[in-house]
């Protein structure tokens, strides 16, 4: 689906927030999931951590085609892993290289009036340092909600926090947890090979 075919994001309403489920997706991932993504982490706009309290890792444009070609703009959940190595040296601690739960925004971030599609992954972990340029792998397992526009930064932050809770609960099912041990990831703790 091309960007020109996508409708503008609707404004998020209070009634939507009140009706949001805390668990999404079927009991086992269904097509088109799982979707495997990988690439070197790029610098984005720098708003995730600074403005929203939710640091994100941006994937290169060419790495998101497997996802953007079969899904709609919105928020997704799954697992991600960041390589501990950069330029051939181990620079991140072991705990930063684990396979961890994530939420991902795929779209244009209408609150910020972006014109370019991005895939921004928030890994639910407190990293000790940034990891720009590190290789990252992600397995996307399900869909949380469509992309919305917001009337305030606070409303956006509130939905992001809800997205994180929904992702954790949705991933807590055995058929989803098994993907944390998927052979796509480096399970020896060194670094993901792309």
N, C-alpha and C. Protein backbone atom coordinates (compact mmCIF):
# COMPACT_ATOMS: atom_id res chain seq x y z
N UNK A 1 0.85 -1.17 0.00
CA UNK A 1 0.00 0.00 0.00
C UNK A 1 0.90 1.23 0.00
N UNK A 2 0.71 2.10 -0.99
CA UNK A 2 1.53 3.30 -1.10
C UNK A 2 1.08 4.38 -0.13
N UNK A 3 1.98 5.31 0.15
CA UNK A 3 1.65 6.39 1.08
C UNK A 3 0.50 7.24 0.55
N UNK A 4 0.41 7.38 -0.78
CA UNK A 4 -0.66 8.19 -1.33
C UNK A 4 -2.03 7.53 -1.14
N UNK A 5 -2.06 6.22 -0.87
CA UNK A 5 -3.32 5.50 -0.67
C UNK A 5 -3.80 5.55 0.78
N UNK A 6 -3.01 6.08 1.66
CA UNK A 6 -3.36 6.05 3.08
C UNK A 6 -4.16 7.29 3.46
N UNK A 7 -5.21 7.06 4.23
CA UNK A 7 -6.06 8.17 4.70
C UNK A 7 -5.35 8.93 5.81
N UNK A 8 -5.74 10.16 6.00
CA UNK A 8 -5.20 10.97 7.10
C UNK A 8 -5.58 10.34 8.44
N UNK A 9 -4.71 10.47 9.42
CA UNK A 9 -4.97 9.89 10.74
C UNK A 9 -6.11 10.63 11.42
N UNK A 10 -7.07 9.87 11.99
CA UNK A 10 -8.15 10.54 12.72
C UNK A 10 -7.63 11.11 14.04
N UNK A 11 -8.35 12.06 14.57
CA UNK A 11 -8.02 12.64 15.89
C UNK A 11 -8.45 11.63 16.95
N UNK A 12 -7.58 11.39 17.91
CA UNK A 12 -7.89 10.47 19.00
C UNK A 12 -8.89 11.13 19.93
N UNK A 13 -9.90 10.39 20.33
CA UNK A 13 -10.97 10.94 21.16
C UNK A 13 -10.95 10.34 22.56
N UNK A 14 -11.59 11.02 23.47
CA UNK A 14 -11.70 10.52 24.84
C UNK A 14 -12.47 9.20 24.86
N UNK A 15 -13.51 9.07 24.00
CA UNK A 15 -14.29 7.83 24.00
C UNK A 15 -13.43 6.66 23.54
N UNK A 16 -12.49 6.91 22.61
CA UNK A 16 -11.58 5.83 22.20
C UNK A 16 -10.73 5.39 23.37
N UNK A 17 -10.17 6.35 24.10
CA UNK A 17 -9.30 6.01 25.24
C UNK A 17 -10.05 5.18 26.26
N UNK A 18 -11.28 5.53 26.55
CA UNK A 18 -12.07 4.81 27.54
C UNK A 18 -12.40 3.39 27.11
N UNK A 19 -12.42 3.15 25.79
CA UNK A 19 -12.82 1.83 25.30
C UNK A 19 -11.64 0.95 24.90
N UNK A 20 -10.41 1.39 25.15
CA UNK A 20 -9.24 0.61 24.72
C UNK A 20 -9.12 -0.68 25.51
N UNK A 21 -8.93 -1.81 24.80
CA UNK A 21 -8.70 -3.08 25.50
C UNK A 21 -7.29 -3.12 26.09
N UNK A 22 -7.08 -3.93 27.12
CA UNK A 22 -5.73 -4.05 27.69
C UNK A 22 -5.00 -5.28 27.16
N UNK A 23 -5.66 -6.04 26.29
CA UNK A 23 -5.07 -7.22 25.65
C UNK A 23 -5.53 -7.20 24.21
N UNK A 24 -4.60 -7.35 23.26
CA UNK A 24 -4.96 -7.32 21.84
C UNK A 24 -4.40 -8.54 21.13
N UNK A 25 -4.99 -8.83 19.98
CA UNK A 25 -4.51 -9.92 19.14
C UNK A 25 -5.08 -11.26 19.54
N UNK A 26 -5.05 -12.19 18.58
CA UNK A 26 -5.52 -13.55 18.86
C UNK A 26 -4.55 -14.28 19.80
N UNK A 27 -4.91 -15.47 20.21
CA UNK A 27 -4.07 -16.25 21.14
C UNK A 27 -2.72 -16.63 20.54
N UNK A 28 -2.64 -16.70 19.22
CA UNK A 28 -1.37 -16.96 18.53
C UNK A 28 -1.24 -15.94 17.40
N UNK A 29 -0.02 -15.51 17.07
CA UNK A 29 0.15 -14.55 15.99
C UNK A 29 -0.44 -15.09 14.68
N UNK A 30 -1.16 -14.23 13.96
CA UNK A 30 -1.78 -14.59 12.68
C UNK A 30 -1.15 -13.75 11.57
N UNK A 31 -1.22 -14.26 10.34
CA UNK A 31 -0.67 -13.54 9.19
C UNK A 31 -1.19 -12.10 9.16
N UNK A 32 -0.35 -11.13 8.88
CA UNK A 32 0.97 -11.25 8.29
C UNK A 32 2.10 -11.43 9.30
N UNK A 33 1.77 -11.63 10.56
CA UNK A 33 2.78 -11.78 11.61
C UNK A 33 3.23 -13.23 11.73
N UNK A 34 4.47 -13.47 12.15
CA UNK A 34 5.50 -12.50 12.53
C UNK A 34 6.14 -11.83 11.32
N UNK A 35 6.56 -10.60 11.54
CA UNK A 35 7.30 -9.85 10.52
C UNK A 35 8.68 -9.56 11.10
N UNK A 36 9.72 -9.94 10.36
CA UNK A 36 11.10 -9.77 10.79
C UNK A 36 11.69 -8.50 10.18
N UNK A 37 12.27 -7.66 11.02
CA UNK A 37 12.90 -6.42 10.57
C UNK A 37 14.33 -6.35 11.11
N UNK A 38 15.22 -5.74 10.35
CA UNK A 38 16.58 -5.54 10.86
C UNK A 38 17.23 -4.38 10.14
N UNK A 39 18.18 -3.78 10.82
CA UNK A 39 18.93 -2.68 10.24
C UNK A 39 19.72 -1.95 11.31
N UNK A 40 20.55 -1.03 10.87
CA UNK A 40 21.33 -0.22 11.80
C UNK A 40 20.45 0.92 12.32
N UNK A 41 20.52 1.17 13.62
CA UNK A 41 19.72 2.22 14.25
C UNK A 41 20.19 3.58 13.76
N UNK A 42 19.21 4.38 13.30
CA UNK A 42 19.51 5.71 12.78
C UNK A 42 19.00 6.78 13.73
N UNK A 43 19.58 7.95 13.62
CA UNK A 43 19.07 9.10 14.38
C UNK A 43 17.76 9.54 13.77
N UNK A 44 16.81 9.86 14.65
CA UNK A 44 15.53 10.38 14.19
C UNK A 44 15.44 11.86 14.52
N UNK A 45 14.26 12.28 14.90
CA UNK A 45 14.04 13.69 15.24
C UNK A 45 14.47 14.01 16.67
N UNK A 46 14.71 12.98 17.49
CA UNK A 46 15.12 13.21 18.87
C UNK A 46 13.98 13.58 19.80
N UNK A 47 12.74 13.36 19.36
CA UNK A 47 11.59 13.76 20.17
C UNK A 47 11.15 12.68 21.14
N UNK A 48 11.36 11.40 20.79
CA UNK A 48 10.85 10.31 21.60
C UNK A 48 11.25 10.41 23.06
N UNK A 49 12.54 10.48 23.31
CA UNK A 49 13.02 10.54 24.68
C UNK A 49 12.86 11.91 25.31
N UNK A 50 13.19 12.94 24.56
CA UNK A 50 13.18 14.30 25.11
C UNK A 50 11.78 14.84 25.32
N UNK A 51 10.93 14.71 24.31
CA UNK A 51 9.62 15.34 24.34
C UNK A 51 8.54 14.43 24.93
N UNK A 52 8.69 13.12 24.72
CA UNK A 52 7.63 12.20 25.10
C UNK A 52 8.00 11.23 26.22
N UNK A 53 9.26 11.22 26.64
CA UNK A 53 9.68 10.30 27.69
C UNK A 53 9.67 8.85 27.22
N UNK A 54 9.82 8.65 25.92
CA UNK A 54 9.75 7.32 25.33
C UNK A 54 10.78 7.23 24.21
N UNK A 55 12.06 6.99 24.56
CA UNK A 55 13.10 6.97 23.54
C UNK A 55 12.82 5.89 22.49
N UNK A 56 13.09 6.22 21.23
CA UNK A 56 12.86 5.26 20.16
C UNK A 56 14.11 5.06 19.33
N UNK A 57 14.15 3.89 18.69
CA UNK A 57 15.21 3.54 17.75
C UNK A 57 14.59 3.50 16.36
N UNK A 58 15.14 4.26 15.45
CA UNK A 58 14.60 4.34 14.09
C UNK A 58 15.35 3.38 13.19
N UNK A 59 14.58 2.63 12.40
CA UNK A 59 15.18 1.73 11.41
C UNK A 59 15.33 2.46 10.08
N UNK A 60 16.30 2.04 9.26
CA UNK A 60 16.45 2.65 7.94
C UNK A 60 15.21 2.39 7.08
N UNK A 61 14.94 3.30 6.16
CA UNK A 61 13.76 3.19 5.31
C UNK A 61 13.66 1.85 4.61
N UNK A 62 14.77 1.38 4.04
CA UNK A 62 14.71 0.14 3.26
C UNK A 62 14.44 -1.10 4.12
N UNK A 63 14.67 -1.01 5.41
CA UNK A 63 14.45 -2.18 6.28
C UNK A 63 12.99 -2.34 6.69
N UNK A 64 12.15 -1.32 6.47
CA UNK A 64 10.76 -1.42 6.92
C UNK A 64 9.80 -1.85 5.82
N UNK A 65 10.31 -2.05 4.61
CA UNK A 65 9.44 -2.48 3.50
C UNK A 65 8.70 -3.77 3.79
N UNK A 66 9.33 -4.80 4.43
CA UNK A 66 8.56 -6.02 4.71
C UNK A 66 7.32 -5.76 5.56
N UNK A 67 7.33 -4.70 6.33
CA UNK A 67 6.20 -4.36 7.19
C UNK A 67 5.25 -3.39 6.50
N UNK A 68 5.79 -2.32 5.95
CA UNK A 68 4.93 -1.28 5.38
C UNK A 68 4.16 -1.76 4.17
N UNK A 69 4.63 -2.83 3.53
CA UNK A 69 3.94 -3.34 2.34
C UNK A 69 2.75 -4.23 2.68
N UNK A 70 2.62 -4.67 3.94
CA UNK A 70 1.53 -5.59 4.31
C UNK A 70 0.69 -5.12 5.48
N UNK A 71 0.99 -3.96 6.03
CA UNK A 71 0.25 -3.48 7.20
C UNK A 71 -0.17 -2.03 6.97
N UNK A 72 -0.95 -1.51 7.91
CA UNK A 72 -1.37 -0.11 7.86
C UNK A 72 -0.58 0.68 8.90
N UNK A 73 -0.65 2.00 8.80
CA UNK A 73 -0.02 2.83 9.81
C UNK A 73 -0.65 2.51 11.16
N UNK A 74 0.17 2.49 12.20
CA UNK A 74 -0.36 2.23 13.53
C UNK A 74 0.74 1.85 14.50
N UNK A 75 0.30 1.27 15.62
CA UNK A 75 1.19 0.86 16.70
C UNK A 75 1.15 -0.66 16.80
N UNK A 76 2.34 -1.26 16.92
CA UNK A 76 2.51 -2.70 16.90
C UNK A 76 3.33 -3.13 18.11
N UNK A 77 3.37 -4.44 18.36
CA UNK A 77 4.15 -4.97 19.48
C UNK A 77 4.92 -6.20 19.07
N UNK A 78 5.97 -6.50 19.83
CA UNK A 78 6.79 -7.67 19.55
C UNK A 78 8.03 -7.64 20.42
N UNK A 79 9.11 -8.15 19.87
CA UNK A 79 10.40 -8.21 20.58
C UNK A 79 11.49 -7.59 19.72
N UNK A 80 12.52 -7.05 20.37
CA UNK A 80 13.66 -6.46 19.66
C UNK A 80 14.95 -6.76 20.41
N UNK A 81 16.04 -6.70 19.67
CA UNK A 81 17.36 -6.91 20.25
C UNK A 81 18.36 -5.98 19.58
N UNK A 82 19.16 -5.32 20.39
CA UNK A 82 20.21 -4.41 19.91
C UNK A 82 21.55 -5.12 20.04
N UNK A 83 22.36 -5.02 19.02
CA UNK A 83 23.71 -5.57 19.07
C UNK A 83 24.53 -4.83 20.12
N UNK A 84 25.29 -5.59 20.89
CA UNK A 84 26.17 -4.97 21.88
C UNK A 84 27.41 -4.39 21.22
N UNK A 85 27.68 -4.84 20.00
CA UNK A 85 28.89 -4.43 19.29
C UNK A 85 28.64 -3.22 18.39
N UNK A 86 29.68 -2.42 18.28
CA UNK A 86 29.71 -1.34 17.30
C UNK A 86 31.14 -1.20 16.82
N UNK A 87 31.32 -1.19 15.51
CA UNK A 87 32.66 -1.11 14.92
C UNK A 87 33.57 -2.21 15.42
N UNK A 88 33.00 -3.41 15.61
CA UNK A 88 33.80 -4.57 16.01
C UNK A 88 34.14 -4.66 17.48
N UNK A 89 33.66 -3.73 18.29
CA UNK A 89 33.96 -3.73 19.72
C UNK A 89 32.67 -3.85 20.52
N UNK A 90 32.70 -4.63 21.60
CA UNK A 90 31.55 -4.73 22.49
C UNK A 90 31.52 -3.46 23.34
N UNK A 91 30.44 -2.68 23.20
CA UNK A 91 30.36 -1.40 23.90
C UNK A 91 29.13 -1.29 24.80
N UNK A 92 28.17 -2.19 24.65
CA UNK A 92 26.99 -2.17 25.51
C UNK A 92 27.06 -3.31 26.51
N UNK A 93 26.56 -3.11 27.72
CA UNK A 93 26.57 -4.19 28.71
C UNK A 93 25.65 -5.33 28.29
N UNK A 94 25.87 -6.48 28.86
CA UNK A 94 25.13 -7.70 28.51
C UNK A 94 23.62 -7.52 28.60
N UNK A 95 23.14 -6.84 29.64
CA UNK A 95 21.69 -6.69 29.80
C UNK A 95 21.08 -5.85 28.66
N UNK A 96 21.86 -4.99 28.02
CA UNK A 96 21.34 -4.19 26.91
C UNK A 96 21.25 -5.00 25.61
N UNK A 97 21.86 -6.16 25.58
CA UNK A 97 21.82 -7.00 24.37
C UNK A 97 20.80 -8.12 24.43
N UNK A 98 19.97 -8.13 25.46
CA UNK A 98 18.95 -9.17 25.56
C UNK A 98 17.81 -8.92 24.58
N UNK A 99 17.02 -9.95 24.31
CA UNK A 99 15.80 -9.81 23.53
C UNK A 99 14.74 -9.27 24.48
N UNK A 100 14.15 -8.13 24.11
CA UNK A 100 13.26 -7.40 25.01
C UNK A 100 11.94 -7.05 24.34
N UNK A 101 10.88 -6.85 25.14
CA UNK A 101 9.60 -6.41 24.58
C UNK A 101 9.72 -5.02 23.97
N UNK A 102 8.92 -4.79 22.92
CA UNK A 102 8.95 -3.47 22.28
C UNK A 102 7.55 -3.12 21.78
N UNK A 103 7.36 -1.81 21.57
CA UNK A 103 6.24 -1.28 20.82
C UNK A 103 6.83 -0.49 19.66
N UNK A 104 6.11 -0.45 18.55
CA UNK A 104 6.62 0.22 17.37
C UNK A 104 5.53 1.06 16.73
N UNK A 105 5.87 2.28 16.40
CA UNK A 105 4.99 3.15 15.64
C UNK A 105 5.44 3.12 14.19
N UNK A 106 4.52 2.76 13.30
CA UNK A 106 4.77 2.80 11.87
C UNK A 106 3.85 3.85 11.28
N UNK A 107 4.41 4.89 10.71
CA UNK A 107 3.55 5.91 10.13
C UNK A 107 4.24 7.23 9.96
N UNK A 108 3.43 8.30 9.98
CA UNK A 108 3.94 9.63 9.74
C UNK A 108 3.88 10.54 10.96
N UNK A 109 3.47 10.03 12.10
CA UNK A 109 3.39 10.83 13.32
C UNK A 109 2.68 12.15 13.07
N UNK A 110 1.37 12.11 12.83
CA UNK A 110 0.63 13.32 12.45
C UNK A 110 0.66 14.42 13.50
N UNK A 111 0.85 14.09 14.77
CA UNK A 111 0.93 15.13 15.79
C UNK A 111 2.07 16.09 15.48
N UNK A 112 3.16 15.53 14.91
CA UNK A 112 4.33 16.34 14.56
C UNK A 112 4.34 16.75 13.09
N UNK A 113 3.29 16.40 12.37
CA UNK A 113 3.13 16.79 10.96
C UNK A 113 4.25 16.27 10.08
N UNK A 114 4.75 15.06 10.37
CA UNK A 114 5.76 14.45 9.52
C UNK A 114 5.17 14.13 8.16
N UNK A 115 5.97 14.22 7.13
CA UNK A 115 5.53 13.86 5.78
C UNK A 115 6.14 12.54 5.34
N UNK A 116 7.11 12.05 6.07
CA UNK A 116 7.81 10.83 5.70
C UNK A 116 7.41 9.71 6.66
N UNK A 117 7.23 8.50 6.10
CA UNK A 117 6.93 7.35 6.94
C UNK A 117 8.18 6.94 7.72
N UNK A 118 7.99 6.61 8.99
CA UNK A 118 9.08 6.11 9.82
C UNK A 118 8.62 4.89 10.60
N UNK A 119 9.58 4.09 11.02
CA UNK A 119 9.33 2.99 11.94
C UNK A 119 10.17 3.28 13.17
N UNK A 120 9.49 3.59 14.27
CA UNK A 120 10.18 3.96 15.50
C UNK A 120 9.87 2.90 16.56
N UNK A 121 10.92 2.25 17.03
CA UNK A 121 10.77 1.17 17.99
C UNK A 121 11.18 1.66 19.37
N UNK A 122 10.29 1.46 20.34
CA UNK A 122 10.61 1.73 21.74
C UNK A 122 10.80 0.38 22.41
N UNK A 123 12.05 0.12 22.81
CA UNK A 123 12.37 -1.12 23.53
C UNK A 123 12.16 -0.85 25.01
N UNK A 124 11.39 -1.71 25.66
CA UNK A 124 11.02 -1.47 27.06
C UNK A 124 12.14 -1.95 27.98
N UNK A 125 13.13 -1.07 28.09
CA UNK A 125 14.33 -1.33 28.89
C UNK A 125 15.03 0.01 29.08
N UNK A 126 15.69 0.17 30.20
CA UNK A 126 16.44 1.39 30.49
C UNK A 126 17.88 1.18 30.04
N UNK A 127 18.20 1.60 28.83
CA UNK A 127 19.55 1.43 28.29
C UNK A 127 20.51 2.39 28.97
N UNK A 128 21.74 1.93 29.17
CA UNK A 128 22.76 2.73 29.85
C UNK A 128 23.36 3.80 28.95
N UNK A 129 23.28 3.58 27.63
CA UNK A 129 23.85 4.54 26.67
C UNK A 129 23.03 4.47 25.39
N UNK A 130 23.22 5.46 24.52
CA UNK A 130 22.51 5.38 23.24
C UNK A 130 23.16 4.30 22.38
N UNK A 131 22.45 3.89 21.35
CA UNK A 131 22.97 2.82 20.49
C UNK A 131 22.77 3.14 19.01
N UNK A 132 22.94 4.42 18.66
CA UNK A 132 22.92 4.80 17.25
C UNK A 132 24.02 4.06 16.51
N UNK A 133 23.69 3.56 15.33
CA UNK A 133 24.66 2.83 14.52
C UNK A 133 24.77 1.36 14.85
N UNK A 134 24.18 0.93 15.96
CA UNK A 134 24.20 -0.49 16.30
C UNK A 134 23.17 -1.23 15.45
N UNK A 135 23.45 -2.49 15.15
CA UNK A 135 22.47 -3.31 14.46
C UNK A 135 21.34 -3.66 15.42
N UNK A 136 20.13 -3.71 14.88
CA UNK A 136 18.97 -4.08 15.69
C UNK A 136 18.09 -5.02 14.88
N UNK A 137 17.52 -5.98 15.56
CA UNK A 137 16.54 -6.89 14.96
C UNK A 137 15.25 -6.79 15.75
N UNK A 138 14.14 -6.96 15.03
CA UNK A 138 12.83 -6.93 15.68
C UNK A 138 11.92 -7.96 15.02
N UNK A 139 11.10 -8.59 15.83
CA UNK A 139 10.02 -9.44 15.34
C UNK A 139 8.73 -8.78 15.77
N UNK A 140 7.94 -8.37 14.79
CA UNK A 140 6.65 -7.73 15.05
C UNK A 140 5.60 -8.84 15.08
N UNK A 141 4.82 -8.89 16.17
CA UNK A 141 3.90 -10.00 16.38
C UNK A 141 2.43 -9.62 16.35
N UNK A 142 2.12 -8.33 16.46
CA UNK A 142 0.71 -7.97 16.47
C UNK A 142 0.48 -6.47 16.41
N UNK A 143 -0.77 -6.14 16.25
CA UNK A 143 -1.25 -4.78 16.05
C UNK A 143 -1.99 -4.31 17.30
N UNK A 144 -1.69 -3.09 17.75
CA UNK A 144 -2.36 -2.53 18.92
C UNK A 144 -3.48 -1.58 18.51
N UNK A 145 -3.15 -0.61 17.65
CA UNK A 145 -4.16 0.40 17.31
C UNK A 145 -3.72 1.17 16.08
N UNK A 146 -4.65 1.92 15.46
CA UNK A 146 -4.28 2.75 14.32
C UNK A 146 -3.48 3.98 14.76
N UNK A 147 -2.86 4.63 13.79
CA UNK A 147 -2.18 5.89 14.05
C UNK A 147 -3.22 6.99 14.23
N UNK A 148 -3.03 7.83 15.23
CA UNK A 148 -3.95 8.93 15.50
C UNK A 148 -3.21 10.25 15.50
N UNK A 149 -3.95 11.30 15.31
CA UNK A 149 -3.46 12.65 15.57
C UNK A 149 -3.95 13.00 16.97
N UNK A 150 -3.34 13.97 17.61
CA UNK A 150 -3.68 14.31 18.99
C UNK A 150 -3.85 15.81 19.13
N UNK A 151 -4.69 16.19 20.06
CA UNK A 151 -4.91 17.61 20.34
C UNK A 151 -3.90 18.15 21.33
N UNK A 152 -3.18 17.24 22.03
CA UNK A 152 -2.17 17.69 22.99
C UNK A 152 -1.07 16.65 23.13
N UNK A 153 0.10 17.12 23.53
CA UNK A 153 1.23 16.22 23.81
C UNK A 153 0.87 15.27 24.93
N UNK A 154 0.14 15.74 25.94
CA UNK A 154 -0.25 14.92 27.09
C UNK A 154 -1.13 13.74 26.67
N UNK A 155 -2.06 13.99 25.73
CA UNK A 155 -2.92 12.91 25.24
C UNK A 155 -2.09 11.87 24.49
N UNK A 156 -1.11 12.31 23.71
CA UNK A 156 -0.21 11.39 23.01
C UNK A 156 0.58 10.55 24.01
N UNK A 157 1.15 11.18 25.02
CA UNK A 157 1.93 10.47 26.04
C UNK A 157 1.05 9.44 26.75
N UNK A 158 -0.18 9.83 27.07
CA UNK A 158 -1.10 8.91 27.74
C UNK A 158 -1.34 7.66 26.89
N UNK A 159 -1.54 7.83 25.58
CA UNK A 159 -1.74 6.67 24.72
C UNK A 159 -0.47 5.84 24.58
N UNK A 160 0.69 6.47 24.53
CA UNK A 160 1.95 5.72 24.46
C UNK A 160 2.09 4.84 25.70
N UNK A 161 1.81 5.38 26.87
CA UNK A 161 1.91 4.59 28.11
C UNK A 161 0.92 3.42 28.09
N UNK A 162 -0.28 3.66 27.57
CA UNK A 162 -1.26 2.57 27.45
C UNK A 162 -0.76 1.54 26.44
N UNK A 163 -0.19 1.97 25.33
CA UNK A 163 0.37 1.04 24.33
C UNK A 163 1.40 0.12 24.96
N UNK A 164 2.26 0.66 25.81
CA UNK A 164 3.29 -0.16 26.45
C UNK A 164 2.67 -1.21 27.36
N UNK A 165 1.65 -0.83 28.14
CA UNK A 165 0.97 -1.79 29.02
C UNK A 165 0.27 -2.88 28.21
N UNK A 166 -0.38 -2.48 27.13
CA UNK A 166 -1.08 -3.44 26.26
C UNK A 166 -0.07 -4.42 25.65
N UNK A 167 1.06 -3.91 25.20
CA UNK A 167 2.09 -4.77 24.60
C UNK A 167 2.60 -5.81 25.61
N UNK A 168 2.92 -5.37 26.81
CA UNK A 168 3.44 -6.30 27.83
C UNK A 168 2.41 -7.40 28.12
N UNK A 169 1.17 -7.02 28.28
CA UNK A 169 0.13 -8.00 28.58
C UNK A 169 -0.10 -8.94 27.39
N UNK A 170 -0.09 -8.40 26.19
CA UNK A 170 -0.32 -9.21 25.00
C UNK A 170 0.82 -10.18 24.74
N UNK A 171 2.04 -9.77 25.08
CA UNK A 171 3.21 -10.64 24.90
C UNK A 171 3.32 -11.71 25.98
N UNK A 172 2.56 -11.60 27.04
CA UNK A 172 2.66 -12.52 28.18
C UNK A 172 1.98 -13.88 27.91
N UNK A 173 1.50 -14.09 26.71
CA UNK A 173 0.91 -15.37 26.34
C UNK A 173 2.00 -16.29 25.78
N UNK A 174 1.94 -17.57 26.09
CA UNK A 174 2.99 -18.53 25.73
C UNK A 174 3.31 -18.52 24.24
N UNK A 175 2.30 -18.42 23.39
CA UNK A 175 2.54 -18.46 21.95
C UNK A 175 3.28 -17.21 21.46
N UNK A 176 3.25 -16.14 22.22
CA UNK A 176 4.00 -14.93 21.89
C UNK A 176 5.37 -14.95 22.58
N UNK A 177 5.41 -15.40 23.83
CA UNK A 177 6.67 -15.44 24.57
C UNK A 177 7.73 -16.28 23.87
N UNK A 178 7.30 -17.32 23.15
CA UNK A 178 8.26 -18.19 22.48
C UNK A 178 9.12 -17.44 21.47
N UNK A 179 8.62 -16.34 20.93
CA UNK A 179 9.39 -15.57 19.95
C UNK A 179 10.57 -14.84 20.59
N UNK A 180 10.58 -14.71 21.89
CA UNK A 180 11.72 -14.11 22.57
C UNK A 180 12.95 -15.01 22.43
N UNK A 181 12.71 -16.29 22.12
CA UNK A 181 13.80 -17.26 21.94
C UNK A 181 13.95 -17.68 20.48
N UNK A 182 13.42 -16.89 19.56
CA UNK A 182 13.46 -17.22 18.13
C UNK A 182 14.89 -17.19 17.61
N UNK A 183 15.21 -18.10 16.69
CA UNK A 183 16.57 -18.19 16.15
C UNK A 183 16.96 -16.97 15.31
N UNK A 184 16.01 -16.10 14.97
CA UNK A 184 16.31 -14.84 14.28
C UNK A 184 17.22 -13.97 15.15
N UNK A 185 17.05 -14.07 16.46
CA UNK A 185 17.85 -13.29 17.41
C UNK A 185 19.13 -14.02 17.75
N UNK A 186 20.13 -13.26 18.25
CA UNK A 186 21.35 -13.86 18.78
C UNK A 186 21.07 -14.26 20.21
N UNK A 187 20.94 -15.55 20.43
CA UNK A 187 20.60 -16.04 21.77
C UNK A 187 21.82 -16.37 22.60
N UNK A 188 23.01 -16.14 22.03
CA UNK A 188 24.26 -16.37 22.79
C UNK A 188 24.74 -15.11 23.49
N UNK A 189 24.03 -14.02 23.27
CA UNK A 189 24.37 -12.78 23.99
C UNK A 189 25.44 -11.94 23.36
N UNK A 190 25.96 -12.33 22.19
CA UNK A 190 26.98 -11.47 21.61
C UNK A 190 26.32 -10.34 20.83
N UNK A 191 25.98 -10.56 19.58
CA UNK A 191 25.30 -9.50 18.85
C UNK A 191 24.51 -10.08 17.69
N UNK A 192 23.38 -9.46 17.34
CA UNK A 192 22.59 -9.96 16.23
C UNK A 192 23.36 -9.81 14.92
N UNK A 193 23.34 -10.83 14.10
CA UNK A 193 23.97 -10.78 12.78
C UNK A 193 22.87 -10.51 11.76
N UNK A 194 23.04 -9.47 10.98
CA UNK A 194 22.01 -9.09 10.00
C UNK A 194 22.22 -9.85 8.71
